[in-house]
Protein backbone atom coordinates (compact mmCIF):
# COMPACT_ATOMS: atom_id res chain seq x y z
CA UNK A 1 8.01 -24.75 16.50
CA UNK A 2 5.53 -27.22 15.04
CA UNK A 3 2.73 -24.66 15.49
CA UNK A 4 4.73 -22.02 13.62
CA UNK A 5 5.29 -24.45 10.73
CA UNK A 6 1.59 -25.30 10.61
CA UNK A 7 0.61 -21.63 10.53
CA UNK A 8 3.17 -20.94 7.80
CA UNK A 9 1.86 -23.87 5.73
CA UNK A 10 -1.75 -22.69 6.01
CA UNK A 11 -0.72 -19.18 5.03
CA UNK A 12 1.20 -20.44 1.96
CA UNK A 13 -1.69 -22.70 0.97
CA UNK A 14 -4.22 -19.85 1.08
CA UNK A 15 -1.98 -17.81 -1.19
CA UNK A 16 -0.59 -20.49 -3.53
CA UNK A 17 -2.93 -23.50 -3.35
CA UNK A 18 -3.43 -26.71 -1.46
CA UNK A 19 -5.73 -25.37 1.24
CA UNK A 20 -8.96 -26.98 2.36
CA UNK A 21 -11.13 -24.64 0.26
CA UNK A 22 -9.53 -25.60 -3.05
CA UNK A 23 -9.24 -21.89 -3.92
CA UNK A 24 -6.19 -19.67 -3.58
CA UNK A 25 -5.48 -15.99 -3.98
CA UNK A 26 -2.79 -16.44 -6.61
CA UNK A 27 -5.05 -18.28 -9.06
CA UNK A 28 -8.05 -16.04 -8.42
CA UNK A 29 -6.16 -12.76 -8.84
CA UNK A 30 -3.45 -13.56 -11.42
CA UNK A 31 -5.40 -12.52 -14.54
CA UNK A 32 -7.10 -9.53 -12.96
CA UNK A 33 -6.10 -6.11 -14.28
CA UNK A 34 -6.13 -2.90 -12.25
CA UNK A 35 -9.31 -1.63 -13.89
CA UNK A 36 -11.19 -4.77 -12.91
CA UNK A 37 -9.74 -4.68 -9.40
CA UNK A 38 -10.87 -1.08 -8.88
CA UNK A 39 -14.34 -1.35 -10.43
CA UNK A 40 -17.07 -0.66 -7.90
CA UNK A 41 -20.17 -2.88 -8.09
CA UNK A 42 -23.19 -1.48 -6.27
CA UNK A 43 -22.16 -0.62 -2.70
CA UNK A 44 -19.68 -3.48 -2.33
CA UNK A 45 -15.95 -3.05 -1.74
CA UNK A 46 -13.71 -3.40 -4.77
CA UNK A 47 -11.33 -6.33 -5.14
CA UNK A 48 -8.41 -3.92 -4.71
CA UNK A 49 -9.79 -2.67 -1.39
CA UNK A 50 -10.36 -6.23 -0.13
CA UNK A 51 -6.81 -7.27 -1.04
CA UNK A 52 -5.48 -4.12 0.65
CA UNK A 53 -7.54 -4.99 3.75
CA UNK A 54 -6.10 -8.51 3.91
CA UNK A 55 -2.54 -7.26 3.46
CA UNK A 56 -3.05 -4.55 6.07
CA UNK A 57 -3.85 -7.14 8.73
CA UNK A 58 -1.24 -9.65 7.57
CA UNK A 59 1.40 -6.92 7.92
CA UNK A 60 0.13 -6.03 11.39
CA UNK A 61 0.18 -9.64 12.58
CA UNK A 62 3.65 -10.18 11.11
CA UNK A 63 4.95 -7.25 13.18
CA UNK A 64 3.48 -8.83 16.31
CA UNK A 65 5.03 -12.21 15.50
CA UNK A 66 8.37 -10.42 15.16
CA UNK A 67 7.98 -8.98 18.66
CA UNK A 68 6.47 -5.61 17.84
CA UNK A 69 3.27 -4.03 19.12
CA UNK A 70 -0.15 -4.57 17.57
CA UNK A 71 -0.81 -1.15 16.11
CA UNK A 72 -3.40 -1.93 13.43
CA UNK A 73 -6.76 -0.22 13.50
CA UNK A 74 -10.00 -0.99 11.72
CA UNK A 75 -10.17 2.75 11.10
CA UNK A 76 -7.32 2.47 8.55
CA UNK A 77 -7.82 -1.05 7.23
CA UNK A 78 -9.76 0.08 4.15
CA UNK A 79 -7.75 3.26 3.40
CA UNK A 80 -6.46 2.32 -0.02
CA UNK A 81 -5.00 5.19 -2.04
CA UNK A 82 -6.60 5.61 -5.48
CA UNK A 83 -5.13 3.34 -8.14
CA UNK A 84 -4.67 5.00 -11.55
CA UNK A 85 -2.46 2.49 -13.38
CA UNK A 86 -0.56 -0.79 -13.17
């Protein structure tokens, strides 16, 4: 179970701080509004799409860790529905 605790710690640190990069998702995204998150810059993905992409794969891996099948697909990993409000 030590490995599971280490993985959980790394996951928490990436989201809430204390990881080796010194950057965490909570601090970076906390003051972002939905308009900023959905603003397209050149041909790059929006922040909202990138966050959706991360959550898509985290959800898929969580299912596997709980004993389920790996049913994620790159085909759907960027399929964010349009965001129109908070």
